[in-house]
Amino acid sequence: QVQLVESGGGLVQAGESLRLSCAASGSISSFGSVAWYRQAPGKQRELVESLSDSGMTNYDGSVKGRLTISKDNAKKTCNLQMNSLKCEATAVYSCQATVKGAAAWGTSWGKGSQVTVSS
C-alpha cells in the first residue's frame, strides 16, 4: 500500500516563503506525475500546480511566478516552493501522486498540511 506524507506547513507572514514536501512510501516501482491541491475553509479543493512525467506543469493562474513544483523520482518525493505568500493562500495543502505499485498504476493522496498566512 502506498502512503504519501506531507511536511513543511506552518504559520508565516504575508510575503514570506514556505516549502512543502511530500514523501511516498510503500511498494512503489515507478513514481509518476505529481500535483499539489489546496482547500481553504468553506471552499472546494482546487489544483495549485501539477507536474507530469514529461515535465509539463499546470497551475492556477493566481500562483504564476510564485510557486514552483518539483519531484525526485529516485527519492519518491515532491516539493512545492511557495514564495511571496498571500493571506488568501491559507489552506490545507495536499499532495497527489500517480505511482505504480506491485502490479498497476494508481493515484494516492496525502492527508494534508496546514498553511496559514497572516497579514
Protein backbone atom coordinates (compact mmCIF):
# COMPACT_ATOMS: atom_id res chain seq x y z
CA GLN A 1 0.00 0.00 0.00
CA VAL A 2 1.27 3.44 -0.96
CA GLN A 3 1.32 6.29 1.54
CA LEU A 4 2.01 9.98 0.97
CA VAL A 5 3.01 12.19 3.87
CA GLU A 6 3.27 15.96 3.61
CA SER A 7 5.50 18.15 5.73
CA GLY A 8 6.65 21.74 5.90
CA GLY A 9 3.39 23.53 6.56
CA GLY A 10 3.02 26.15 9.24
CA LEU A 11 2.32 29.77 10.03
CA VAL A 12 4.07 32.50 8.07
CA GLN A 13 3.53 36.19 7.43
CA ALA A 14 2.41 37.59 4.11
CA GLY A 15 5.33 37.98 1.75
CA GLU A 16 7.34 35.14 3.27
CA SER A 17 8.20 31.76 1.75
CA LEU A 18 7.39 28.18 2.62
CA ARG A 19 8.45 24.85 1.18
CA LEU A 20 6.14 21.87 1.31
CA SER A 21 7.43 18.34 0.88
CA CYS A 22 5.68 15.08 0.17
CA ALA A 23 7.27 11.68 0.65
CA ALA A 24 5.89 8.46 -0.78
CA SER A 25 6.43 5.12 0.86
CA GLY A 26 5.29 1.57 0.33
CA SER A 27 5.61 -0.83 -2.53
CA ILE A 28 6.44 1.55 -5.38
CA SER A 29 8.08 0.50 -8.61
CA SER A 30 7.57 3.77 -10.50
CA PHE A 31 6.89 7.34 -9.41
CA GLY A 32 4.88 9.30 -11.95
CA SER A 33 3.10 12.62 -12.14
CA VAL A 34 2.55 14.69 -9.03
CA ALA A 35 0.33 17.56 -8.00
CA TRP A 36 -0.46 19.82 -5.11
CA TYR A 37 -4.02 20.78 -4.23
CA ARG A 38 -5.36 23.08 -1.56
CA GLN A 39 -8.63 23.53 0.22
CA ALA A 40 -9.41 26.74 2.05
CA PRO A 41 -12.12 26.92 4.73
CA GLY A 42 -15.56 26.86 3.16
CA LYS A 43 -14.20 26.34 -0.35
CA GLN A 44 -13.75 23.41 -2.69
CA ARG A 45 -10.41 21.76 -3.19
CA GLU A 46 -8.50 23.27 -6.10
CA LEU A 47 -5.41 22.44 -8.08
CA VAL A 48 -2.38 24.55 -7.18
CA GLU A 49 0.19 23.05 -9.53
CA SER A 50 0.91 19.74 -11.21
CA LEU A 51 3.98 18.21 -12.83
CA SER A 52 3.77 15.43 -15.37
CA ASP A 53 6.32 12.75 -16.09
CA SER A 54 7.39 14.66 -19.20
CA GLY A 55 8.00 17.82 -17.20
CA MET A 56 4.84 19.67 -18.18
CA THR A 57 3.37 21.86 -15.49
CA ASN A 58 -0.16 23.07 -15.00
CA TYR A 59 -1.01 25.66 -12.40
CA ASP A 60 -3.64 28.02 -11.16
CA GLY A 61 -3.14 31.45 -12.67
CA SER A 62 -3.13 33.13 -9.29
CA VAL A 63 0.16 31.47 -8.34
CA LYS A 64 2.08 32.13 -11.54
CA GLY A 65 5.68 33.08 -10.86
CA ARG A 66 5.46 32.49 -7.14
CA LEU A 67 5.19 28.71 -6.81
CA THR A 68 7.48 26.00 -8.13
CA ILE A 69 6.77 22.29 -8.11
CA SER A 70 9.50 19.67 -8.35
CA LYS A 71 9.92 15.96 -7.86
CA ASP A 72 12.67 13.43 -7.30
CA ASN A 73 11.82 10.08 -8.83
CA ALA A 74 14.65 8.28 -7.09
CA LYS A 75 13.69 9.58 -3.65
CA LYS A 76 9.96 9.41 -4.46
CA THR A 77 9.40 12.90 -3.19
CA CYS A 78 7.82 16.05 -4.49
CA ASN A 79 8.10 19.61 -3.27
CA LEU A 80 6.23 22.86 -3.61
CA GLN A 81 8.23 26.03 -3.11
CA MET A 82 5.93 28.93 -2.33
CA ASN A 83 7.26 32.49 -2.41
CA SER A 84 5.65 35.85 -1.70
CA LEU A 85 2.76 34.18 0.05
CA LYS A 86 -0.54 36.00 0.30
CA CYS A 87 -3.17 35.67 3.00
CA GLU A 88 -5.54 34.00 0.55
CA ALA A 89 -3.08 31.13 0.27
CA THR A 90 -4.20 29.94 3.70
CA ALA A 91 -5.46 26.39 3.22
CA VAL A 92 -4.77 22.72 3.76
CA TYR A 93 -2.33 21.60 1.08
CA SER A 94 -2.40 18.01 -0.09
CA CYS A 95 -0.12 16.18 -2.47
CA GLN A 96 -1.26 13.71 -5.06
CA ALA A 97 0.95 11.26 -6.89
CA THR A 98 0.45 8.68 -9.57
CA VAL A 99 2.56 5.70 -8.70
CA LYS A 100 2.97 2.14 -9.84
CA GLY A 101 2.78 -0.44 -7.14
CA ALA A 102 3.45 -4.12 -7.49
CA ALA A 103 1.06 -4.59 -10.39
CA ALA A 104 -0.64 -1.42 -11.56
CA TRP A 105 -0.65 2.36 -11.62
CA GLY A 106 -2.83 4.20 -9.17
CA THR A 107 -3.35 7.63 -7.63
CA SER A 108 -2.59 8.28 -3.98
CA TRP A 109 -3.27 11.26 -1.73
CA GLY A 110 -1.66 12.61 1.38
CA LYS A 111 -3.70 13.74 4.36
CA GLY A 112 -2.66 17.35 4.01
CA SER A 113 -0.60 20.01 5.71
CA GLN A 114 -1.96 23.29 7.06
CA VAL A 115 -0.53 26.51 5.69
CA THR A 116 -1.58 29.73 7.38
CA VAL A 117 -0.52 33.11 6.06
CA SER A 118 -1.10 36.05 8.38
CA SER A 119 -1.13 39.72 7.48
